[in-house]
Amino acid sequence: MIRMAALACLLFLLGTTDRANAAAIVGKPAPSFDLTDVNGEHVKLASFKGKFVVLEWTNFQCPFVGKHYGSGNMQSLQKQYTEKGVVWISICSSAPGKQGSMTGEEANELIEAKGAAPSRFLLDPKGIVGHKYGAKTTPHMFVIDPKGVLLYNGAIDNRPSTKQDDVVGATNYLSAALESAMAGKKVEIAATQPYGCGVKY
C-alpha cells in the first residue's frame, strides 16, 4: 500500500510538472506577464517585442546562483548581452517567508552589492509567472526572440555544481542559444534540464 501511494504521489508530481511546463514550450509564443519590478514599476513582456529577451530565475541565497554571481559569470553575461541590445530580466519567485524572498529595497541593495546588471529585476512573490513558465530551479534560463517566441528553456550551462571553478570550460547553453539566434541561425540545443535550488514557491 505504501509503495502504491508513493507511486501515485510520484505520478501526480510528474503530471503537475508537465502541466507547469506546458505553457513554456520552445517554438511557441512565450507566456505573457505583467509584474512589478524592484522600484514598483509595472513591466510587461509585450513591451519588449522586437528585442531578444533573457529571463533568469534567481534566488541570491541559493548556492548555485552564488556560483554564477560569486564568479562574476552572471554579471558578465548580463553586461555582454545588454550591450548588444538584449533585454535581460531577472525574476525572483520566492514566496514571502521562504528562502530568497525580499522586498524591492532589499533586492536593490543586493543588486548593487553583487554588481548585477539586468535590464529589469522583477518580483513574483505569488509565483504566478514562475508557474506560467514552469520555472523549476535557480537559476533557470529562458530566451525569447523578437517575435515573442521561446527559443531556449533550461540550464545556464552543462556543469550542475556549486563550484565557481566549474564555470571555466563549461558549455554555456544560454550564450550558445543567444549567439546562434542573433546570427539568424537555428538554436541547436534549445532545451536542457535546469539545475540549482528548487524555486521557493
N, C-alpha and C. Protein backbone atom coordinates (compact mmCIF):
# COMPACT_ATOMS: atom_id res chain seq x y z
N MET A 1 0.83 -1.20 0.00
CA MET A 1 0.00 0.00 0.00
C MET A 1 0.87 1.27 0.00
N ILE A 2 1.95 1.22 0.82
CA ILE A 2 2.83 2.39 0.91
C ILE A 2 3.50 2.65 -0.43
N ARG A 3 3.95 1.53 -1.08
CA ARG A 3 4.61 1.68 -2.37
C ARG A 3 3.65 2.25 -3.40
N MET A 4 2.41 1.76 -3.37
CA MET A 4 1.40 2.23 -4.32
C MET A 4 1.10 3.71 -4.10
N ALA A 5 1.03 4.10 -2.83
CA ALA A 5 0.77 5.50 -2.52
C ALA A 5 1.92 6.38 -2.99
N ALA A 6 3.15 5.88 -2.78
CA ALA A 6 4.33 6.64 -3.21
C ALA A 6 4.34 6.79 -4.72
N LEU A 7 3.99 5.69 -5.43
CA LEU A 7 3.95 5.73 -6.88
C LEU A 7 2.89 6.71 -7.37
N ALA A 8 1.73 6.69 -6.71
CA ALA A 8 0.66 7.60 -7.10
C ALA A 8 1.08 9.05 -6.90
N CYS A 9 1.80 9.28 -5.78
CA CYS A 9 2.29 10.63 -5.49
C CYS A 9 3.29 11.08 -6.55
N LEU A 10 4.20 10.16 -6.94
CA LEU A 10 5.20 10.47 -7.94
C LEU A 10 4.54 10.80 -9.27
N LEU A 11 3.54 9.99 -9.66
CA LEU A 11 2.84 10.22 -10.92
C LEU A 11 2.11 11.56 -10.89
N PHE A 12 1.55 11.90 -9.73
CA PHE A 12 0.88 13.19 -9.60
C PHE A 12 1.86 14.33 -9.79
N LEU A 13 3.04 14.19 -9.13
CA LEU A 13 4.06 15.24 -9.24
C LEU A 13 4.55 15.38 -10.67
N LEU A 14 4.73 14.24 -11.34
CA LEU A 14 5.17 14.30 -12.73
C LEU A 14 4.13 14.98 -13.60
N GLY A 15 2.88 14.66 -13.34
CA GLY A 15 1.80 15.27 -14.10
C GLY A 15 1.73 16.76 -13.85
N THR A 16 1.94 17.15 -12.58
CA THR A 16 1.93 18.56 -12.24
C THR A 16 3.07 19.29 -12.93
N THR A 17 4.25 18.65 -12.96
CA THR A 17 5.40 19.25 -13.64
C THR A 17 5.13 19.44 -15.12
N ASP A 18 4.50 18.43 -15.74
CA ASP A 18 4.19 18.54 -17.16
C ASP A 18 3.25 19.71 -17.42
N ARG A 19 2.24 19.85 -16.55
CA ARG A 19 1.28 20.94 -16.73
C ARG A 19 1.96 22.28 -16.52
N ALA A 20 2.88 22.32 -15.54
CA ALA A 20 3.58 23.57 -15.24
C ALA A 20 4.43 24.01 -16.42
N ASN A 21 4.99 23.04 -17.14
CA ASN A 21 5.87 23.36 -18.26
C ASN A 21 5.11 23.55 -19.57
N ALA A 22 3.82 23.20 -19.57
CA ALA A 22 3.06 23.20 -20.81
C ALA A 22 2.97 24.58 -21.45
N ALA A 23 3.02 25.64 -20.63
CA ALA A 23 2.87 26.98 -21.17
C ALA A 23 4.17 27.56 -21.72
N ALA A 24 5.29 26.93 -21.41
CA ALA A 24 6.59 27.45 -21.86
C ALA A 24 7.26 26.42 -22.75
N ILE A 25 6.83 26.36 -23.98
CA ILE A 25 7.31 25.36 -24.93
C ILE A 25 8.16 26.02 -26.00
N VAL A 26 9.35 25.49 -26.20
CA VAL A 26 10.24 26.03 -27.23
C VAL A 26 9.56 25.97 -28.59
N GLY A 27 9.61 27.07 -29.31
CA GLY A 27 8.98 27.15 -30.62
C GLY A 27 7.58 27.73 -30.58
N LYS A 28 7.05 27.93 -29.36
CA LYS A 28 5.72 28.51 -29.17
C LYS A 28 5.84 29.91 -28.56
N PRO A 29 4.80 30.72 -28.65
CA PRO A 29 4.85 32.05 -28.03
C PRO A 29 5.13 31.96 -26.53
N ALA A 30 6.04 32.78 -26.05
CA ALA A 30 6.35 32.79 -24.62
C ALA A 30 5.15 33.34 -23.85
N PRO A 31 4.85 32.77 -22.68
CA PRO A 31 3.72 33.26 -21.88
C PRO A 31 3.88 34.74 -21.54
N SER A 32 2.79 35.47 -21.68
CA SER A 32 2.82 36.90 -21.36
C SER A 32 2.85 37.10 -19.85
N PHE A 33 3.30 38.26 -19.42
CA PHE A 33 3.24 38.57 -18.00
C PHE A 33 3.29 40.07 -17.77
N ASP A 34 2.85 40.45 -16.58
CA ASP A 34 2.88 41.83 -16.13
C ASP A 34 3.25 41.77 -14.65
N LEU A 35 4.50 42.14 -14.34
CA LEU A 35 4.99 42.07 -12.97
C LEU A 35 5.50 43.43 -12.50
N THR A 36 5.67 43.56 -11.20
CA THR A 36 6.23 44.78 -10.63
C THR A 36 7.72 44.59 -10.42
N ASP A 37 8.50 45.60 -10.79
CA ASP A 37 9.93 45.48 -10.58
C ASP A 37 10.32 45.98 -9.20
N VAL A 38 11.60 45.98 -8.89
CA VAL A 38 12.07 46.33 -7.55
C VAL A 38 11.83 47.79 -7.19
N ASN A 39 11.47 48.60 -8.20
CA ASN A 39 11.19 50.02 -7.96
C ASN A 39 9.69 50.30 -7.98
N GLY A 40 8.89 49.24 -8.04
CA GLY A 40 7.45 49.40 -8.01
C GLY A 40 6.81 49.70 -9.35
N GLU A 41 7.56 49.58 -10.43
CA GLU A 41 7.03 49.87 -11.76
C GLU A 41 6.55 48.58 -12.44
N HIS A 42 5.45 48.68 -13.17
CA HIS A 42 4.92 47.52 -13.88
C HIS A 42 5.76 47.26 -15.14
N VAL A 43 6.03 45.99 -15.37
CA VAL A 43 6.82 45.58 -16.54
C VAL A 43 6.06 44.48 -17.28
N LYS A 44 5.78 44.74 -18.55
CA LYS A 44 5.08 43.75 -19.38
C LYS A 44 6.04 43.16 -20.40
N LEU A 45 5.98 41.86 -20.58
CA LEU A 45 6.82 41.21 -21.58
C LEU A 45 6.53 41.79 -22.96
N ALA A 46 5.27 42.06 -23.24
CA ALA A 46 4.86 42.56 -24.56
C ALA A 46 5.57 43.85 -24.95
N SER A 47 6.00 44.62 -23.97
CA SER A 47 6.65 45.90 -24.27
C SER A 47 8.04 45.73 -24.86
N PHE A 48 8.56 44.49 -24.83
CA PHE A 48 9.91 44.25 -25.36
C PHE A 48 9.86 43.53 -26.72
N LYS A 49 8.70 43.54 -27.34
CA LYS A 49 8.56 42.94 -28.67
C LYS A 49 9.55 43.62 -29.61
N GLY A 50 10.21 42.84 -30.42
CA GLY A 50 11.21 43.39 -31.34
C GLY A 50 12.62 43.24 -30.82
N LYS A 51 12.75 42.72 -29.58
CA LYS A 51 14.08 42.52 -28.99
C LYS A 51 14.22 41.09 -28.46
N PHE A 52 15.45 40.63 -28.40
CA PHE A 52 15.70 39.36 -27.73
C PHE A 52 15.57 39.60 -26.23
N VAL A 53 14.98 38.63 -25.54
CA VAL A 53 14.78 38.76 -24.09
C VAL A 53 15.32 37.51 -23.39
N VAL A 54 16.05 37.72 -22.33
CA VAL A 54 16.50 36.63 -21.47
C VAL A 54 15.73 36.72 -20.16
N LEU A 55 15.19 35.59 -19.70
CA LEU A 55 14.58 35.52 -18.38
C LEU A 55 15.47 34.65 -17.51
N GLU A 56 15.85 35.18 -16.38
CA GLU A 56 16.73 34.47 -15.43
C GLU A 56 16.02 34.35 -14.09
N TRP A 57 15.62 33.14 -13.72
CA TRP A 57 15.04 32.95 -12.38
C TRP A 57 16.17 32.89 -11.38
N THR A 58 16.03 33.68 -10.30
CA THR A 58 17.13 33.79 -9.37
C THR A 58 16.69 33.77 -7.91
N ASN A 59 17.64 33.49 -7.05
CA ASN A 59 17.46 33.47 -5.59
C ASN A 59 18.86 33.66 -5.03
N PHE A 60 19.17 34.84 -4.55
CA PHE A 60 20.53 35.15 -4.14
C PHE A 60 21.03 34.31 -2.96
N GLN A 61 20.13 33.61 -2.27
CA GLN A 61 20.55 32.75 -1.17
C GLN A 61 20.86 31.33 -1.62
N CYS A 62 20.62 31.05 -2.87
CA CYS A 62 20.88 29.71 -3.42
C CYS A 62 22.36 29.58 -3.79
N PRO A 63 23.05 28.52 -3.34
CA PRO A 63 24.47 28.36 -3.66
C PRO A 63 24.77 28.18 -5.15
N PHE A 64 23.80 27.67 -5.91
CA PHE A 64 24.01 27.52 -7.35
C PHE A 64 24.00 28.90 -8.02
N VAL A 65 23.12 29.77 -7.54
CA VAL A 65 23.11 31.15 -8.02
C VAL A 65 24.40 31.83 -7.55
N GLY A 66 24.79 31.53 -6.31
CA GLY A 66 26.02 32.09 -5.75
C GLY A 66 27.24 31.75 -6.57
N LYS A 67 27.24 30.56 -7.16
CA LYS A 67 28.35 30.14 -8.03
C LYS A 67 28.52 31.10 -9.20
N HIS A 68 27.40 31.44 -9.83
CA HIS A 68 27.47 32.26 -11.04
C HIS A 68 27.66 33.75 -10.74
N TYR A 69 27.17 34.20 -9.59
CA TYR A 69 27.39 35.60 -9.21
C TYR A 69 28.73 35.77 -8.51
N GLY A 70 29.11 34.77 -7.70
CA GLY A 70 30.39 34.85 -7.00
C GLY A 70 31.58 34.83 -7.94
N SER A 71 31.43 34.13 -9.06
CA SER A 71 32.50 34.06 -10.06
C SER A 71 32.46 35.24 -11.02
N GLY A 72 31.35 35.98 -10.99
CA GLY A 72 31.19 37.10 -11.91
C GLY A 72 30.61 36.68 -13.25
N ASN A 73 30.30 35.40 -13.39
CA ASN A 73 29.81 34.88 -14.66
C ASN A 73 28.48 35.50 -15.08
N MET A 74 27.53 35.54 -14.13
CA MET A 74 26.20 36.05 -14.48
C MET A 74 26.26 37.54 -14.83
N GLN A 75 26.99 38.30 -14.03
CA GLN A 75 27.11 39.73 -14.32
C GLN A 75 27.76 39.98 -15.67
N SER A 76 28.78 39.17 -15.98
CA SER A 76 29.47 39.32 -17.26
C SER A 76 28.52 39.06 -18.43
N LEU A 77 27.70 38.01 -18.30
CA LEU A 77 26.74 37.70 -19.36
C LEU A 77 25.69 38.81 -19.48
N GLN A 78 25.23 39.31 -18.35
CA GLN A 78 24.24 40.39 -18.37
C GLN A 78 24.78 41.60 -19.11
N LYS A 79 25.99 42.00 -18.79
CA LYS A 79 26.59 43.18 -19.42
C LYS A 79 26.88 42.93 -20.90
N GLN A 80 27.41 41.74 -21.19
CA GLN A 80 27.75 41.40 -22.57
C GLN A 80 26.55 41.50 -23.50
N TYR A 81 25.42 40.96 -23.05
CA TYR A 81 24.26 40.90 -23.94
C TYR A 81 23.37 42.14 -23.89
N THR A 82 23.30 42.80 -22.76
CA THR A 82 22.52 44.04 -22.74
C THR A 82 23.20 45.10 -23.59
N GLU A 83 24.52 45.05 -23.67
CA GLU A 83 25.25 45.99 -24.54
C GLU A 83 24.95 45.72 -26.02
N LYS A 84 24.49 44.50 -26.31
CA LYS A 84 24.12 44.14 -27.68
C LYS A 84 22.64 44.35 -27.95
N GLY A 85 21.93 44.94 -26.98
CA GLY A 85 20.52 45.24 -27.17
C GLY A 85 19.56 44.20 -26.62
N VAL A 86 20.08 43.16 -25.98
CA VAL A 86 19.22 42.14 -25.38
C VAL A 86 18.63 42.68 -24.09
N VAL A 87 17.36 42.38 -23.84
CA VAL A 87 16.71 42.75 -22.59
C VAL A 87 16.88 41.58 -21.62
N TRP A 88 17.53 41.82 -20.52
CA TRP A 88 17.80 40.75 -19.54
C TRP A 88 16.92 41.01 -18.31
N ILE A 89 16.04 40.07 -18.04
CA ILE A 89 15.11 40.22 -16.92
C ILE A 89 15.36 39.14 -15.87
N SER A 90 15.75 39.56 -14.68
CA SER A 90 15.91 38.65 -13.55
C SER A 90 14.58 38.60 -12.81
N ILE A 91 14.17 37.40 -12.41
CA ILE A 91 12.88 37.23 -11.71
C ILE A 91 13.08 36.42 -10.44
N CYS A 92 12.53 36.92 -9.35
CA CYS A 92 12.56 36.18 -8.08
C CYS A 92 11.13 35.75 -7.75
N SER A 93 10.91 34.44 -7.71
CA SER A 93 9.58 33.90 -7.42
C SER A 93 9.49 33.31 -6.02
N SER A 94 10.44 33.63 -5.15
CA SER A 94 10.39 33.13 -3.77
C SER A 94 9.18 33.73 -3.05
N ALA A 95 8.42 32.86 -2.39
CA ALA A 95 7.24 33.31 -1.66
C ALA A 95 7.64 33.99 -0.36
N PRO A 96 6.82 34.89 0.16
CA PRO A 96 7.13 35.56 1.43
C PRO A 96 7.43 34.55 2.54
N GLY A 97 8.51 34.79 3.26
CA GLY A 97 8.89 33.89 4.35
C GLY A 97 9.77 32.74 3.92
N LYS A 98 9.99 32.57 2.62
CA LYS A 98 10.82 31.48 2.13
C LYS A 98 12.17 32.01 1.63
N GLN A 99 13.10 31.08 1.48
CA GLN A 99 14.46 31.46 1.08
C GLN A 99 14.46 32.32 -0.18
N GLY A 100 15.18 33.42 -0.12
CA GLY A 100 15.32 34.29 -1.28
C GLY A 100 14.29 35.39 -1.38
N SER A 101 13.22 35.30 -0.57
CA SER A 101 12.18 36.33 -0.63
C SER A 101 12.76 37.67 -0.17
N MET A 102 12.37 38.74 -0.85
CA MET A 102 12.89 40.05 -0.49
C MET A 102 11.98 41.16 -0.97
N THR A 103 12.13 42.30 -0.34
CA THR A 103 11.40 43.49 -0.77
C THR A 103 12.16 44.14 -1.91
N GLY A 104 11.54 45.11 -2.54
CA GLY A 104 12.23 45.83 -3.60
C GLY A 104 13.48 46.51 -3.10
N GLU A 105 13.41 47.09 -1.91
CA GLU A 105 14.55 47.78 -1.33
C GLU A 105 15.70 46.80 -1.06
N GLU A 106 15.36 45.63 -0.50
CA GLU A 106 16.39 44.62 -0.23
C GLU A 106 17.01 44.12 -1.53
N ALA A 107 16.17 43.95 -2.55
CA ALA A 107 16.67 43.50 -3.85
C ALA A 107 17.64 44.52 -4.44
N ASN A 108 17.29 45.78 -4.37
CA ASN A 108 18.17 46.82 -4.90
C ASN A 108 19.53 46.84 -4.21
N GLU A 109 19.51 46.61 -2.90
CA GLU A 109 20.76 46.58 -2.15
C GLU A 109 21.63 45.41 -2.60
N LEU A 110 21.00 44.25 -2.83
CA LEU A 110 21.74 43.06 -3.26
C LEU A 110 22.25 43.22 -4.69
N ILE A 111 21.43 43.79 -5.54
CA ILE A 111 21.84 44.02 -6.93
C ILE A 111 23.10 44.89 -6.97
N GLU A 112 23.10 45.94 -6.16
CA GLU A 112 24.27 46.83 -6.10
C GLU A 112 25.47 46.12 -5.50
N ALA A 113 25.25 45.38 -4.43
CA ALA A 113 26.36 44.70 -3.75
C ALA A 113 27.02 43.66 -4.64
N LYS A 114 26.22 42.99 -5.46
CA LYS A 114 26.75 41.93 -6.32
C LYS A 114 27.20 42.43 -7.69
N GLY A 115 26.92 43.69 -7.98
CA GLY A 115 27.30 44.22 -9.28
C GLY A 115 26.47 43.63 -10.39
N ALA A 116 25.25 43.21 -10.06
CA ALA A 116 24.37 42.62 -11.07
C ALA A 116 23.94 43.70 -12.05
N ALA A 117 23.69 43.29 -13.31
CA ALA A 117 23.37 44.28 -14.34
C ALA A 117 22.22 43.85 -15.25
N PRO A 118 21.10 43.36 -14.67
CA PRO A 118 19.96 43.03 -15.53
C PRO A 118 19.29 44.30 -16.02
N SER A 119 18.52 44.19 -17.09
CA SER A 119 17.76 45.35 -17.56
C SER A 119 16.68 45.69 -16.55
N ARG A 120 16.01 44.67 -16.04
CA ARG A 120 14.99 44.84 -15.01
C ARG A 120 15.08 43.66 -14.05
N PHE A 121 14.69 43.90 -12.80
CA PHE A 121 14.63 42.84 -11.79
C PHE A 121 13.19 42.82 -11.28
N LEU A 122 12.50 41.71 -11.52
CA LEU A 122 11.08 41.61 -11.19
C LEU A 122 10.82 40.71 -9.99
N LEU A 123 9.80 41.07 -9.23
CA LEU A 123 9.40 40.28 -8.06
C LEU A 123 8.09 39.56 -8.38
N ASP A 124 8.09 38.26 -8.11
CA ASP A 124 6.94 37.39 -8.41
C ASP A 124 6.60 36.58 -7.16
N PRO A 125 6.26 37.26 -6.04
CA PRO A 125 6.08 36.57 -4.76
C PRO A 125 4.96 35.54 -4.74
N LYS A 126 3.98 35.67 -5.62
CA LYS A 126 2.89 34.69 -5.67
C LYS A 126 3.22 33.53 -6.62
N GLY A 127 4.35 33.64 -7.29
CA GLY A 127 4.78 32.56 -8.19
C GLY A 127 3.96 32.41 -9.44
N ILE A 128 3.17 33.41 -9.77
CA ILE A 128 2.28 33.30 -10.93
C ILE A 128 3.06 33.14 -12.23
N VAL A 129 4.05 33.99 -12.43
CA VAL A 129 4.84 33.91 -13.67
C VAL A 129 5.77 32.71 -13.64
N GLY A 130 6.32 32.40 -12.47
CA GLY A 130 7.16 31.21 -12.35
C GLY A 130 6.43 29.95 -12.76
N HIS A 131 5.18 29.83 -12.31
CA HIS A 131 4.38 28.66 -12.68
C HIS A 131 3.99 28.70 -14.15
N LYS A 132 3.75 29.89 -14.68
CA LYS A 132 3.42 30.02 -16.10
C LYS A 132 4.53 29.45 -16.98
N TYR A 133 5.77 29.71 -16.56
CA TYR A 133 6.93 29.27 -17.33
C TYR A 133 7.41 27.88 -16.92
N GLY A 134 6.91 27.39 -15.81
CA GLY A 134 7.40 26.11 -15.31
C GLY A 134 8.81 26.23 -14.79
N ALA A 135 9.14 27.41 -14.24
CA ALA A 135 10.49 27.62 -13.69
C ALA A 135 10.70 26.66 -12.52
N LYS A 136 11.73 25.84 -12.62
CA LYS A 136 11.96 24.80 -11.61
C LYS A 136 13.07 25.14 -10.63
N THR A 137 14.10 25.80 -11.13
CA THR A 137 15.30 25.99 -10.32
C THR A 137 15.81 27.41 -10.39
N THR A 138 16.74 27.69 -9.49
CA THR A 138 17.50 28.95 -9.60
C THR A 138 18.96 28.56 -9.70
N PRO A 139 19.59 28.92 -10.86
CA PRO A 139 18.99 29.63 -11.99
C PRO A 139 18.20 28.71 -12.93
N HIS A 140 17.27 29.27 -13.66
CA HIS A 140 16.58 28.61 -14.77
C HIS A 140 16.46 29.69 -15.83
N MET A 141 16.95 29.39 -17.03
CA MET A 141 17.09 30.41 -18.06
C MET A 141 16.13 30.18 -19.24
N PHE A 142 15.64 31.29 -19.79
CA PHE A 142 14.78 31.25 -20.97
C PHE A 142 15.24 32.34 -21.94
N VAL A 143 15.15 32.05 -23.24
CA VAL A 143 15.47 33.05 -24.27
C VAL A 143 14.25 33.18 -25.17
N ILE A 144 13.85 34.43 -25.40
CA ILE A 144 12.69 34.74 -26.24
C ILE A 144 13.15 35.58 -27.42
N ASP A 145 12.66 35.27 -28.61
CA ASP A 145 13.12 36.01 -29.79
C ASP A 145 12.30 37.29 -29.99
N PRO A 146 12.69 38.15 -30.94
CA PRO A 146 11.99 39.43 -31.14
C PRO A 146 10.51 39.30 -31.49
N LYS A 147 10.09 38.13 -31.96
CA LYS A 147 8.67 37.91 -32.28
C LYS A 147 7.89 37.39 -31.08
N GLY A 148 8.60 37.16 -29.97
CA GLY A 148 7.93 36.67 -28.77
C GLY A 148 7.86 35.16 -28.67
N VAL A 149 8.68 34.49 -29.48
CA VAL A 149 8.69 33.03 -29.48
C VAL A 149 9.81 32.52 -28.57
N LEU A 150 9.53 31.49 -27.80
CA LEU A 150 10.52 30.93 -26.89
C LEU A 150 11.56 30.12 -27.68
N LEU A 151 12.83 30.49 -27.52
CA LEU A 151 13.91 29.83 -28.25
C LEU A 151 14.71 28.85 -27.40
N TYR A 152 14.77 29.11 -26.09
CA TYR A 152 15.57 28.26 -25.21
C TYR A 152 14.92 28.17 -23.83
N ASN A 153 15.01 26.98 -23.24
CA ASN A 153 14.45 26.72 -21.91
C ASN A 153 15.37 25.72 -21.21
N GLY A 154 16.03 26.15 -20.13
CA GLY A 154 16.86 25.17 -19.42
C GLY A 154 17.97 25.74 -18.57
N ALA A 155 19.03 24.97 -18.46
CA ALA A 155 20.17 25.32 -17.61
C ALA A 155 21.02 26.40 -18.26
N ILE A 156 21.79 27.08 -17.42
CA ILE A 156 22.71 28.08 -17.95
C ILE A 156 23.91 27.41 -18.62
N ASP A 157 24.33 26.25 -18.08
CA ASP A 157 25.47 25.54 -18.67
C ASP A 157 25.39 24.05 -18.34
N ASN A 158 26.44 23.33 -18.67
CA ASN A 158 26.42 21.87 -18.52
C ASN A 158 27.15 21.36 -17.29
N ARG A 159 27.40 22.23 -16.32
CA ARG A 159 28.09 21.79 -15.11
C ARG A 159 27.25 22.09 -13.87
N PRO A 160 26.38 21.15 -13.50
CA PRO A 160 25.45 21.35 -12.38
C PRO A 160 26.11 21.22 -11.01
N SER A 161 26.92 22.19 -10.67
CA SER A 161 27.60 22.17 -9.39
C SER A 161 27.54 23.56 -8.76
N THR A 162 28.03 23.66 -7.52
CA THR A 162 28.11 24.96 -6.85
C THR A 162 29.53 25.51 -6.85
N LYS A 163 30.44 24.83 -7.56
CA LYS A 163 31.85 25.23 -7.57
C LYS A 163 32.11 26.34 -8.60
N GLN A 164 32.62 27.45 -8.15
CA GLN A 164 32.90 28.55 -9.06
C GLN A 164 33.91 28.17 -10.14
N ASP A 165 34.84 27.29 -9.80
CA ASP A 165 35.85 26.88 -10.77
C ASP A 165 35.24 26.17 -11.97
N ASP A 166 34.04 25.60 -11.79
CA ASP A 166 33.40 24.87 -12.88
C ASP A 166 32.85 25.77 -13.97
N VAL A 167 32.80 27.07 -13.71
CA VAL A 167 32.31 27.99 -14.73
C VAL A 167 33.26 28.01 -15.92
N VAL A 168 34.56 27.97 -15.62
CA VAL A 168 35.58 27.98 -16.67
C VAL A 168 35.55 26.65 -17.41
N GLY A 169 35.42 26.72 -18.72
CA GLY A 169 35.42 25.50 -19.52
C GLY A 169 34.06 24.87 -19.70
N ALA A 170 33.04 25.40 -19.03
CA ALA A 170 31.69 24.84 -19.17
C ALA A 170 31.10 25.23 -20.52
N THR A 171 30.20 24.40 -21.03
CA THR A 171 29.45 24.75 -22.23
C THR A 171 28.29 25.62 -21.80
N ASN A 172 28.29 26.88 -22.19
CA ASN A 172 27.25 27.80 -21.77
C ASN A 172 26.10 27.73 -22.78
N TYR A 173 25.03 27.03 -22.39
CA TYR A 173 23.88 26.85 -23.27
C TYR A 173 23.19 28.17 -23.58
N LEU A 174 23.11 29.04 -22.59
CA LEU A 174 22.44 30.32 -22.78
C LEU A 174 23.16 31.15 -23.83
N SER A 175 24.47 31.28 -23.68
CA SER A 175 25.27 32.07 -24.61
C SER A 175 25.20 31.48 -26.01
N ALA A 176 25.27 30.15 -26.10
CA ALA A 176 25.21 29.49 -27.41
C ALA A 176 23.88 29.76 -28.10
N ALA A 177 22.80 29.72 -27.32
CA ALA A 177 21.47 29.97 -27.89
C ALA A 177 21.36 31.40 -28.39
N LEU A 178 21.83 32.35 -27.60
CA LEU A 178 21.76 33.75 -27.99
C LEU A 178 22.62 34.04 -29.22
N GLU A 179 23.84 33.52 -29.22
CA GLU A 179 24.74 33.78 -30.35
C GLU A 179 24.17 33.24 -31.66
N SER A 180 23.62 32.03 -31.60
CA SER A 180 23.03 31.43 -32.80
C SER A 180 21.82 32.23 -33.27
N ALA A 181 20.91 32.52 -32.35
CA ALA A 181 19.69 33.23 -32.71
C ALA A 181 19.97 34.62 -33.24
N MET A 182 20.91 35.31 -32.61
CA MET A 182 21.22 36.68 -33.03
C MET A 182 21.93 36.72 -34.38
N ALA A 183 22.52 35.58 -34.76
CA ALA A 183 23.18 35.49 -36.06
C ALA A 183 22.23 34.93 -37.12
N GLY A 184 20.98 34.73 -36.73
CA GLY A 184 19.98 34.22 -37.66
C GLY A 184 20.07 32.72 -37.90
N LYS A 185 20.75 32.03 -37.00
CA LYS A 185 20.91 30.58 -37.14
C LYS A 185 19.98 29.83 -36.18
N LYS A 186 19.81 28.56 -36.45
CA LYS A 186 18.97 27.71 -35.60
C LYS A 186 19.68 27.46 -34.27
N VAL A 187 18.92 27.47 -33.20
CA VAL A 187 19.47 27.13 -31.88
C VAL A 187 19.55 25.62 -31.81
N GLU A 188 20.77 25.10 -31.80
CA GLU A 188 20.96 23.65 -31.86
C GLU A 188 20.50 22.94 -30.58
N ILE A 189 20.83 23.50 -29.42
CA ILE A 189 20.38 22.92 -28.15
C ILE A 189 19.38 23.90 -27.57
N ALA A 190 18.08 23.60 -27.76
CA ALA A 190 17.02 24.53 -27.39
C ALA A 190 16.38 24.22 -26.04
N ALA A 191 16.65 23.05 -25.49
CA ALA A 191 16.06 22.68 -24.20
C ALA A 191 17.01 21.76 -23.46
N THR A 192 17.24 22.07 -22.19
CA THR A 192 18.09 21.22 -21.34
C THR A 192 17.44 21.12 -19.97
N GLN A 193 17.96 20.22 -19.15
CA GLN A 193 17.46 20.08 -17.79
C GLN A 193 18.07 21.16 -16.90
N PRO A 194 17.26 22.05 -16.33
CA PRO A 194 17.82 23.09 -15.47
C PRO A 194 18.35 22.49 -14.17
N TYR A 195 19.31 23.12 -13.56
CA TYR A 195 19.84 22.66 -12.27
C TYR A 195 19.90 23.82 -11.30
N GLY A 196 19.93 23.49 -10.02
CA GLY A 196 20.04 24.51 -8.99
C GLY A 196 19.12 24.21 -7.83
N CYS A 197 18.84 25.22 -7.01
CA CYS A 197 17.89 25.07 -5.91
C CYS A 197 16.47 25.14 -6.49
N GLY A 198 15.56 24.36 -5.93
CA GLY A 198 14.18 24.46 -6.39
C GLY A 198 13.64 25.86 -6.11
N VAL A 199 12.83 26.37 -7.03
CA VAL A 199 12.21 27.69 -6.81
C VAL A 199 11.34 27.60 -5.56
N LYS A 200 11.47 28.56 -4.67
CA LYS A 200 10.78 28.51 -3.37
C LYS A 200 9.37 29.11 -3.44
N TYR A 201 8.49 28.40 -4.16
CA TYR A 201 7.10 28.86 -4.28
C TYR A 201 6.39 28.78 -2.94
